[in-house]
């Protein structure tokens, strides 16, 4: 099971539920459909725990209540918030009201209420961190329970797609998560191309791989620098951010955008990227990366803070829906570029980095190896880039629908696209990797200590914008 969502078919006030499954490597996704009638549908979260957040989101935004939901609390609508009607019903946004609700004190076995202290940290945090409230229930340095409150800046991105032309939707998809602009645009375009049965030219699919791997490169370099920041390795932080800056300058030379926006479009790519100096730039980045990675691996003060921090065992990662480097660092060998290949990935030499350490160190190792794999893929594209056109006509039919996916630097993103009878977007569902990994993350915090928290969070590479949408 990957995710579930609800949508309102044209002319209907009754939502339809969709459950999306990827049964295994090399197999096409299965989609289960059912109409929500007068009786509430049963919750599938007891059998597939990762669905809990999707069901709670569907209750908040589409008004579907699930029977026997293990955690029936609101998710997107924070406690104390109420909407006049479900926000994702067709039509204008409803009025929202809000009454502040204090954080509850959960029952914690073996303690009394007087023993436990509550630290509500946020939603405004230091530096340039995104808004979220982190509730720590602790004694001394020991964290007994942890609960993140997200969605303070929920932007209603899925609602914003409604009524747009399919082509304009690409601009919005690029802005769902800025550091995943290429991958989100790809997943969205793949959904439109599936709906229209459009065949993307070979040259365009290869260029899309190049753009996606350049995006993975700068994201992972930023990750390494920020992880060093949390372990107080200041020189390592500076070097990682320096390498990230080099990669972003390369992006700007190639596309005109440091975040590689404006090139991926339905049917292919908008124009040729400028690739004249890319091979030389890669040599410089790779040379400095190799030295940087060796220094990180030999710095005991850094490794001591990572090893055994934030342990996420394999079964928990699978059950709760971890994705991307987080799941691969817990021993799960899964990557949509290989397992459900798209574009030109099945024509290129793709390696998947997997570790079974299950901790922050393993998550760093996976990303370091993925950087080298990304550089190898970019070189393979430069060496074998086929000639041909850049774009095919992509016009999804009125009433059509499609499912697309792409492997972002943080894991797999899915887009489910539905069009109305006029050919405009009726519903766009986004399954982002940070939504999945934020759900998993608290399980690695319970029972740990306050001193390791920032390192653990950084090791997950989470973004709030990617979760909140």
Protein backbone atom coordinates (compact mmCIF):
# COMPACT_ATOMS: atom_id res chain seq x y z
CA UNK A 1 0.00 0.00 0.00
CA UNK A 2 1.32 3.46 -0.92
CA UNK A 3 -1.42 5.97 -0.06
CA UNK A 4 -5.12 6.75 -0.24
CA UNK A 5 -7.20 9.82 -0.98
CA UNK A 6 -10.72 10.99 -1.78
CA UNK A 7 -12.07 13.08 -4.60
CA UNK A 8 -15.48 14.32 -5.72
CA UNK A 9 -16.36 13.17 -9.26
CA UNK A 10 -17.89 15.86 -11.44
CA UNK A 11 -21.47 16.58 -10.44
CA UNK A 12 -21.33 14.46 -7.28
CA UNK A 13 -21.39 15.44 -3.62
CA UNK A 14 -20.40 11.91 -2.58
CA UNK A 15 -16.63 11.38 -2.41
CA UNK A 16 -14.94 8.42 -4.02
CA UNK A 17 -12.06 6.76 -2.18
CA UNK A 18 -8.93 5.65 -4.01
CA UNK A 19 -6.32 3.27 -2.59
CA UNK A 20 -3.03 3.05 -4.50
CA UNK A 21 -0.83 -0.05 -4.21
CA UNK A 22 2.46 -0.96 -5.84
CA UNK A 23 2.50 -4.76 -5.56
CA UNK A 24 6.18 -5.31 -6.30
CA UNK A 25 9.24 -4.50 -8.37
CA UNK A 26 8.46 -4.11 -12.04
CA UNK A 27 4.69 -4.32 -11.58
CA UNK A 28 2.21 -1.60 -12.40
CA UNK A 29 0.25 0.03 -9.58
CA UNK A 30 -3.15 -1.26 -8.53
CA UNK A 31 -5.92 1.21 -7.70
CA UNK A 32 -8.88 0.25 -5.54
CA UNK A 33 -11.98 2.43 -5.79
CA UNK A 34 -15.05 2.67 -3.62
CA UNK A 35 -17.82 5.20 -3.11
CA UNK A 36 -18.41 6.63 0.34
CA UNK A 37 -22.08 6.06 1.09
CA UNK A 38 -24.28 6.79 4.08
CA UNK A 39 -22.30 4.35 6.22
CA UNK A 40 -18.77 5.33 7.21
CA UNK A 41 -16.11 3.18 5.52
CA UNK A 42 -13.93 0.99 7.76
CA UNK A 43 -10.44 2.17 8.61
CA UNK A 44 -7.66 0.13 6.99
CA UNK A 45 -5.03 1.61 9.31
CA UNK A 46 -5.07 -1.40 11.68
CA UNK A 47 -3.92 -3.57 8.74
CA UNK A 48 -1.79 -0.95 6.99
CA UNK A 49 -0.59 1.55 9.66
CA UNK A 50 0.84 3.99 7.11
CA UNK A 51 -2.74 4.81 6.01
CA UNK A 52 -3.57 6.43 9.36
CA UNK A 53 -2.42 9.91 8.37
CA UNK A 54 -4.09 9.66 4.94
CA UNK A 55 -7.41 8.70 6.54
CA UNK A 56 -7.16 11.54 9.05
CA UNK A 57 -6.29 13.97 6.24
CA UNK A 58 -9.28 12.70 4.24
CA UNK A 59 -11.55 13.23 7.25
CA UNK A 60 -10.33 16.81 7.70
CA UNK A 61 -10.40 17.86 4.05
CA UNK A 62 -13.11 15.72 2.45
CA UNK A 63 -15.44 15.00 5.35
CA UNK A 64 -15.12 11.20 5.25
CA UNK A 65 -15.14 9.63 8.73
CA UNK A 66 -13.62 6.15 9.06
CA UNK A 67 -14.95 3.53 11.44
CA UNK A 68 -12.54 2.26 14.09
CA UNK A 69 -9.74 4.66 13.14
CA UNK A 70 -6.95 3.96 15.68
CA UNK A 71 -6.14 7.69 15.99
CA UNK A 72 -9.32 9.67 15.22
CA UNK A 73 -7.77 13.07 16.05
CA UNK A 74 -7.61 15.86 13.43
CA UNK A 75 -4.40 16.13 11.39
CA UNK A 76 -4.46 19.03 8.92
CA UNK A 77 -7.08 21.02 10.83
CA UNK A 78 -5.28 21.58 14.11
CA UNK A 79 -7.14 20.91 17.37
CA UNK A 80 -9.57 23.80 17.85
CA UNK A 81 -9.97 24.50 14.12
CA UNK A 82 -13.31 23.95 12.36
CA UNK A 83 -14.46 24.36 8.76
CA UNK A 84 -18.00 25.17 7.60
CA UNK A 85 -17.75 22.32 5.12
CA UNK A 86 -14.98 20.03 3.84
CA UNK A 87 -12.33 22.26 2.20
CA UNK A 88 -11.77 19.95 -0.80
CA UNK A 89 -15.42 19.78 -1.78
CA UNK A 90 -15.88 21.50 -5.17
CA UNK A 91 -16.44 25.20 -4.80
CA UNK A 92 -14.89 28.09 -2.89
CA UNK A 93 -12.90 27.61 0.27
CA UNK A 94 -15.02 27.51 3.42
CA UNK A 95 -14.64 29.84 6.38
CA UNK A 96 -12.31 28.47 9.05
CA UNK A 97 -12.67 29.23 12.74
CA UNK A 98 -10.12 28.54 15.43
CA UNK A 99 -10.15 28.33 19.21
CA UNK A 100 -6.78 27.65 20.90
CA UNK A 101 -6.58 24.25 22.57
CA UNK A 102 -3.83 23.52 25.11
CA UNK A 103 -1.53 20.57 24.55
CA UNK A 104 -2.82 17.52 26.42
CA UNK A 105 -0.73 15.53 28.87
CA UNK A 106 -0.78 11.89 27.68
CA UNK A 107 -0.87 8.96 30.07
CA UNK A 108 2.72 7.76 30.43
CA UNK A 109 3.17 4.42 32.18
CA UNK A 110 5.29 4.43 35.31
CA UNK A 111 5.15 8.19 35.85
CA UNK A 112 2.93 10.71 37.54
CA UNK A 113 1.80 13.97 35.97
CA UNK A 114 4.03 15.90 38.38
CA UNK A 115 7.13 14.01 37.19
CA UNK A 116 6.76 14.92 33.52
CA UNK A 117 7.66 18.29 32.03
CA UNK A 118 6.19 19.64 28.81
CA UNK A 119 8.24 21.70 26.36
CA UNK A 120 6.14 23.12 23.49
CA UNK A 121 8.89 24.28 21.11
CA UNK A 122 7.67 26.42 18.19
CA UNK A 123 5.88 27.02 15.89
CA UNK A 124 8.38 29.88 15.44
CA UNK A 125 11.86 28.39 15.67
CA UNK A 126 15.35 29.85 15.41
CA UNK A 127 17.29 30.28 12.15
CA UNK A 128 15.25 29.78 8.96
CA UNK A 129 13.46 26.62 10.05
CA UNK A 130 9.91 26.17 8.86
CA UNK A 131 6.96 26.56 11.22
CA UNK A 132 6.02 23.58 13.32
CA UNK A 133 5.39 22.97 17.00
CA UNK A 134 7.33 20.18 18.67
CA UNK A 135 5.88 18.94 21.95
CA UNK A 136 8.40 17.16 24.16
CA UNK A 137 7.21 15.30 27.26
CA UNK A 138 10.37 14.63 29.26
CA UNK A 139 12.05 13.99 32.59
CA UNK A 140 15.52 15.51 32.81
CA UNK A 141 17.11 14.78 29.41
CA UNK A 142 14.96 11.70 28.68
CA UNK A 143 12.17 12.17 26.11
CA UNK A 144 9.23 10.01 27.15
CA UNK A 145 6.90 11.10 24.36
CA UNK A 146 7.14 13.42 21.37
CA UNK A 147 4.39 14.89 19.19
CA UNK A 148 5.01 17.22 16.24
CA UNK A 149 2.20 19.60 15.30
CA UNK A 150 2.51 20.42 11.62
CA UNK A 151 0.26 22.24 9.11
CA UNK A 152 0.56 25.70 10.68
CA UNK A 153 1.25 27.01 7.17
CA UNK A 154 -0.84 24.55 5.19
CA UNK A 155 -1.10 26.23 1.79
CA UNK A 156 -3.94 24.23 0.29
CA UNK A 157 -1.86 23.37 -2.77
CA UNK A 158 -4.20 20.59 -3.88
CA UNK A 159 -7.12 23.04 -3.81
CA UNK A 160 -5.11 25.54 -5.84
CA UNK A 161 -4.90 23.11 -8.76
CA UNK A 162 -8.68 23.09 -9.20
CA UNK A 163 -9.80 24.80 -12.39
CA UNK A 164 -6.31 25.28 -13.81
CA UNK A 165 -5.29 24.17 -17.28
CA UNK A 166 -3.10 21.04 -17.22
CA UNK A 167 -0.13 23.01 -18.61
CA UNK A 168 -0.35 25.70 -15.92
CA UNK A 169 -0.47 23.03 -13.23
CA UNK A 170 3.22 22.32 -13.86
CA UNK A 171 4.15 25.75 -12.53
CA UNK A 172 2.25 25.00 -9.33
CA UNK A 173 3.73 21.50 -8.98
CA UNK A 174 7.25 22.98 -9.07
CA UNK A 175 6.36 25.07 -6.03
CA UNK A 176 4.84 22.39 -3.80
CA UNK A 177 8.31 21.79 -2.36
CA UNK A 178 10.96 24.16 -3.66
CA UNK A 179 13.87 21.77 -3.10
CA UNK A 180 11.99 19.09 -5.06
CA UNK A 181 10.90 21.25 -7.99
CA UNK A 182 12.08 18.88 -10.73
CA UNK A 183 10.78 15.70 -9.11
CA UNK A 184 7.35 17.15 -8.33
CA UNK A 185 7.07 18.51 -11.86
CA UNK A 186 8.08 15.10 -13.22
CA UNK A 187 5.51 13.20 -11.13
CA UNK A 188 2.79 15.65 -12.19
CA UNK A 189 3.78 15.47 -15.87
CA UNK A 190 3.98 11.66 -15.72
CA UNK A 191 0.35 11.64 -14.49
CA UNK A 192 -0.76 13.89 -17.37
CA UNK A 193 1.22 11.82 -19.87
CA UNK A 194 -0.41 8.63 -18.55
CA UNK A 195 -3.84 10.23 -18.93
CA UNK A 196 -3.15 11.32 -22.50
CA UNK A 197 -1.05 8.25 -23.44
CA UNK A 198 1.62 10.64 -24.59
CA UNK A 199 5.00 9.20 -25.58
CA UNK A 200 7.81 11.52 -24.49
CA UNK A 201 10.71 11.79 -26.98
CA UNK A 202 13.83 9.84 -26.01
CA UNK A 203 16.08 12.90 -25.82
CA UNK A 204 13.66 14.57 -23.42
CA UNK A 205 13.55 11.54 -21.10
CA UNK A 206 17.35 11.52 -20.88
CA UNK A 207 17.47 15.25 -20.14
CA UNK A 208 14.85 14.76 -17.44
CA UNK A 209 17.13 12.21 -15.77
CA UNK A 210 19.99 14.71 -15.88
CA UNK A 211 17.86 17.42 -14.24
CA UNK A 212 16.51 15.05 -11.58
CA UNK A 213 20.00 13.88 -10.61
CA UNK A 214 21.34 17.43 -10.45
CA UNK A 215 18.50 18.16 -8.04
CA UNK A 216 19.42 15.11 -5.95
CA UNK A 217 23.06 16.24 -5.94
CA UNK A 218 22.53 19.68 -4.40
CA UNK A 219 19.93 18.39 -1.94
CA UNK A 220 22.26 15.73 -0.55
CA UNK A 221 25.15 18.19 -0.32
CA UNK A 222 22.94 20.54 1.69
CA UNK A 223 21.96 17.60 3.87
CA UNK A 224 25.58 16.79 4.71
CA UNK A 225 26.33 20.40 5.64
CA UNK A 226 23.23 20.73 7.81
CA UNK A 227 23.91 17.42 9.56
CA UNK A 228 27.39 18.73 10.43
CA UNK A 229 25.72 21.85 11.83
CA UNK A 230 23.76 19.73 14.30
CA UNK A 231 26.86 17.81 15.44
CA UNK A 232 28.70 21.20 15.85
CA UNK A 233 31.24 20.25 13.16
CA UNK A 234 31.54 23.82 11.86
CA UNK A 235 34.21 23.23 9.22
CA UNK A 236 32.20 20.28 7.87
CA UNK A 237 29.10 22.47 7.79
CA UNK A 238 30.88 25.17 5.81
CA UNK A 239 32.33 22.67 3.33
CA UNK A 240 28.99 20.98 2.73
CA UNK A 241 27.22 24.30 2.12
CA UNK A 242 30.08 25.41 -0.13
CA UNK A 243 29.64 22.29 -2.27
CA UNK A 244 25.88 22.86 -2.31
CA UNK A 245 26.50 26.39 -3.58
CA UNK A 246 28.76 25.07 -6.36
CA UNK A 247 26.04 22.63 -7.42
CA UNK A 248 23.38 25.38 -7.45
CA UNK A 249 25.62 27.61 -9.56
CA UNK A 250 25.92 24.75 -12.03
CA UNK A 251 22.12 24.47 -12.05
CA UNK A 252 21.82 28.17 -12.85
CA UNK A 253 24.28 27.91 -15.74
CA UNK A 254 22.34 24.98 -17.17
CA UNK A 255 18.75 26.17 -16.74
CA UNK A 256 18.76 29.79 -15.56
CA UNK A 257 17.33 28.65 -12.22
CA UNK A 258 19.23 27.52 -9.14
CA UNK A 259 16.29 25.18 -8.41
CA UNK A 260 16.11 23.97 -12.05
CA UNK A 261 12.62 25.32 -12.60
CA UNK A 262 10.96 25.97 -15.94
CA UNK A 263 12.37 23.10 -18.01
CA UNK A 264 10.12 20.10 -17.29
CA UNK A 265 6.75 20.39 -19.07
CA UNK A 266 4.03 17.91 -20.09
CA UNK A 267 5.33 15.93 -23.06
CA UNK A 268 9.05 16.56 -22.48
CA UNK A 269 11.24 19.57 -21.75
CA UNK A 270 10.69 23.20 -22.71
CA UNK A 271 14.13 23.85 -24.23
CA UNK A 272 17.69 22.60 -24.41
CA UNK A 273 19.71 23.08 -21.20
CA UNK A 274 23.19 24.56 -21.56
CA UNK A 275 25.55 21.62 -21.03
CA UNK A 276 28.86 22.96 -22.41
CA UNK A 277 30.80 23.06 -19.11
CA UNK A 278 28.84 20.49 -17.10
CA UNK A 279 31.40 17.68 -17.48
CA UNK A 280 34.20 19.95 -16.17
CA UNK A 281 32.05 21.19 -13.31
CA UNK A 282 31.30 17.61 -12.27
CA UNK A 283 35.02 16.80 -12.08
CA UNK A 284 35.57 19.70 -9.69
CA UNK A 285 32.59 18.82 -7.47
CA UNK A 286 33.47 15.12 -7.41
CA UNK A 287 37.09 15.80 -6.47
CA UNK A 288 36.10 18.00 -3.53
CA UNK A 289 33.28 15.66 -2.53
CA UNK A 290 35.64 12.66 -2.29
CA UNK A 291 37.92 14.52 0.10
CA UNK A 292 34.95 15.85 2.09
CA UNK A 293 33.34 12.42 2.46
CA UNK A 294 36.65 10.88 3.57
CA UNK A 295 37.06 13.58 6.21
CA UNK A 296 33.51 13.03 7.53
CA UNK A 297 34.14 9.29 7.74
CA UNK A 298 37.33 9.90 9.75
CA UNK A 299 35.96 12.48 12.20
CA UNK A 300 35.19 10.59 15.39
CA UNK A 301 33.39 13.47 17.12
CA UNK A 302 30.92 13.56 14.21
CA UNK A 303 30.48 9.79 13.98
CA UNK A 304 29.97 9.42 17.73
CA UNK A 305 26.91 11.66 17.53
CA UNK A 306 25.43 9.76 14.55
CA UNK A 307 25.96 6.10 15.40
CA UNK A 308 22.99 4.60 17.31
CA UNK A 309 21.09 7.93 17.09
CA UNK A 310 17.50 7.84 15.79
CA UNK A 311 17.22 4.09 15.24
CA UNK A 312 14.44 3.12 12.83
CA UNK A 313 14.28 -0.65 12.47
CA UNK A 314 13.35 -2.29 9.18
CA UNK A 315 9.88 -3.53 10.16
CA UNK A 316 8.83 -0.19 11.59
CA UNK A 317 10.09 1.64 8.50
CA UNK A 318 8.04 -0.68 6.29
CA UNK A 319 4.86 -0.64 8.38
CA UNK A 320 4.78 3.13 8.84
CA UNK A 321 5.60 3.98 5.22
CA UNK A 322 9.13 5.40 5.31
CA UNK A 323 10.47 6.30 1.90
CA UNK A 324 13.67 7.31 0.12
CA UNK A 325 17.07 7.35 1.87
CA UNK A 326 15.30 6.90 5.22
CA UNK A 327 13.88 3.49 4.30
CA UNK A 328 17.00 2.44 2.40
CA UNK A 329 19.10 3.20 5.49
CA UNK A 330 16.85 0.75 7.38
CA UNK A 331 17.67 -2.11 5.00
CA UNK A 332 14.70 -1.79 2.61
CA UNK A 333 15.98 -2.08 -0.96
CA UNK A 334 13.38 0.04 -2.75
CA UNK A 335 13.76 2.87 -5.27
CA UNK A 336 11.07 3.82 -7.79
CA UNK A 337 13.69 4.75 -10.41
CA UNK A 338 14.52 1.05 -10.63
CA UNK A 339 11.43 -0.71 -9.31
CA UNK A 340 8.80 1.23 -11.29
CA UNK A 341 11.13 2.83 -13.85
CA UNK A 342 10.10 5.98 -15.68
CA UNK A 343 11.78 8.13 -18.30
CA UNK A 344 15.20 6.82 -19.30
CA UNK A 345 16.14 5.22 -15.98
CA UNK A 346 15.74 1.70 -17.38
CA UNK A 347 18.32 2.57 -20.08
CA UNK A 348 20.99 3.87 -17.70
CA UNK A 349 23.33 2.22 -15.14
CA UNK A 350 21.45 2.84 -11.89
CA UNK A 351 22.78 1.65 -8.54
CA UNK A 352 20.74 1.81 -5.32
CA UNK A 353 22.48 2.60 -2.03
CA UNK A 354 21.21 0.49 0.90
CA UNK A 355 22.44 0.20 4.49
CA UNK A 356 21.11 -1.80 7.43
CA UNK A 357 22.48 0.36 10.27
CA UNK A 358 19.01 1.92 10.76
CA UNK A 359 20.51 5.01 12.46
CA UNK A 360 21.59 8.56 11.59
CA UNK A 361 24.99 7.32 10.43
CA UNK A 362 23.39 4.88 7.99
CA UNK A 363 21.19 7.67 6.63
CA UNK A 364 24.30 9.79 6.02
CA UNK A 365 26.06 6.87 4.32
CA UNK A 366 23.15 6.31 1.94
CA UNK A 367 23.16 9.94 0.85
CA UNK A 368 26.94 10.08 0.36
CA UNK A 369 26.75 7.02 -1.89
CA UNK A 370 23.75 8.42 -3.75
CA UNK A 371 25.76 11.54 -4.59
CA UNK A 372 28.38 9.41 -6.36
CA UNK A 373 25.62 7.49 -8.15
CA UNK A 374 24.00 10.73 -9.29
CA UNK A 375 27.27 12.00 -10.73
CA UNK A 376 27.70 8.67 -12.58
CA UNK A 377 24.18 8.93 -14.01
CA UNK A 378 24.74 12.52 -15.17
CA UNK A 379 27.95 11.45 -16.91
CA UNK A 380 26.12 8.55 -18.57
CA UNK A 381 23.50 10.99 -19.89
CA UNK A 382 26.20 13.30 -21.27
CA UNK A 383 27.96 10.39 -22.95
CA UNK A 384 24.88 8.80 -24.52
CA UNK A 385 22.36 11.62 -25.00
CA UNK A 386 20.33 10.72 -28.10
CA UNK A 387 19.36 13.19 -30.79
CA UNK A 388 15.76 14.06 -31.44
CA UNK A 389 12.92 16.35 -30.49
CA UNK A 390 12.37 17.72 -27.02
CA UNK A 391 8.62 17.62 -26.67
CA UNK A 392 5.56 15.73 -27.79
CA UNK A 393 1.97 16.95 -27.88
CA UNK A 394 0.36 16.12 -24.53
CA UNK A 395 -3.37 16.82 -24.30
CA UNK A 396 -5.16 14.72 -21.70
CA UNK A 397 -8.80 14.15 -22.70
CA UNK A 398 -11.69 15.76 -20.79
CA UNK A 399 -12.70 13.49 -17.94
CA UNK A 400 -9.37 11.68 -18.08
CA UNK A 401 -7.18 10.69 -15.15
CA UNK A 402 -3.64 9.49 -14.59
CA UNK A 403 -1.15 8.46 -11.92
CA UNK A 404 2.49 9.51 -11.98
CA UNK A 405 5.49 9.20 -9.69
CA UNK A 406 9.12 10.22 -9.35
CA UNK A 407 11.92 9.55 -6.87
CA UNK A 408 12.70 12.86 -5.17
CA UNK A 409 15.84 13.35 -3.04
CA UNK A 410 13.64 12.47 -0.04
CA UNK A 411 11.70 9.54 -1.48
CA UNK A 412 8.88 8.77 -3.86
CA UNK A 413 6.33 11.44 -4.76
CA UNK A 414 3.01 10.49 -6.39
CA UNK A 415 0.52 12.65 -8.27
CA UNK A 416 -3.00 11.48 -9.05
CA UNK A 417 -4.65 13.81 -11.58
CA UNK A 418 -8.35 14.00 -12.48
CA UNK A 419 -9.75 16.27 -15.22
CA UNK A 420 -13.28 17.61 -15.52
CA UNK A 421 -15.47 17.46 -18.61
CA UNK A 422 -14.01 20.76 -19.85
CA UNK A 423 -10.46 19.41 -19.72
CA UNK A 424 -9.41 21.42 -16.67
CA UNK A 425 -7.97 20.05 -13.45
CA UNK A 426 -10.71 18.78 -11.13
CA UNK A 427 -8.53 17.10 -8.47
CA UNK A 428 -4.79 16.71 -7.98
CA UNK A 429 -3.69 14.51 -5.09
CA UNK A 430 -0.07 14.83 -3.96
CA UNK A 431 1.65 12.12 -1.95
CA UNK A 432 4.91 13.77 -0.92
CA UNK A 433 7.82 11.92 0.71
CA UNK A 434 8.09 14.29 3.67
CA UNK A 435 4.45 13.58 4.55
CA UNK A 436 5.44 9.91 4.84
CA UNK A 437 8.70 10.48 6.71
CA UNK A 438 7.24 12.99 9.18
CA UNK A 439 4.77 10.28 10.13
CA UNK A 440 7.61 7.81 10.76
CA UNK A 441 9.98 10.20 12.51
CA UNK A 442 8.35 10.38 16.01
CA UNK A 443 8.90 6.63 16.48
CA UNK A 444 12.65 7.32 16.53
CA UNK A 445 12.32 10.05 19.18
CA UNK A 446 10.35 8.29 21.93
CA UNK A 447 12.73 7.03 24.60
CA UNK A 448 15.73 9.04 23.39
CA UNK A 449 17.32 12.18 24.87
CA UNK A 450 17.08 15.90 24.24
CA UNK A 451 20.73 16.28 23.25
CA UNK A 452 20.33 13.99 20.22
CA UNK A 453 17.03 15.39 18.96
CA UNK A 454 18.37 17.99 16.49
CA UNK A 455 20.80 15.45 15.00
CA UNK A 456 18.04 12.89 14.57
CA UNK A 457 15.70 15.36 12.86
CA UNK A 458 18.46 16.55 10.52
CA UNK A 459 19.34 12.94 9.63
CA UNK A 460 15.82 12.44 8.23
CA UNK A 461 16.17 15.36 5.79
CA UNK A 462 12.59 16.43 6.47
CA UNK A 463 10.87 19.48 5.00
CA UNK A 464 7.75 21.01 6.50
CA UNK A 465 6.62 22.56 3.20
CA UNK A 466 6.72 19.16 1.52
CA UNK A 467 4.54 17.74 4.27
CA UNK A 468 2.10 20.64 4.72
CA UNK A 469 1.46 21.33 1.03
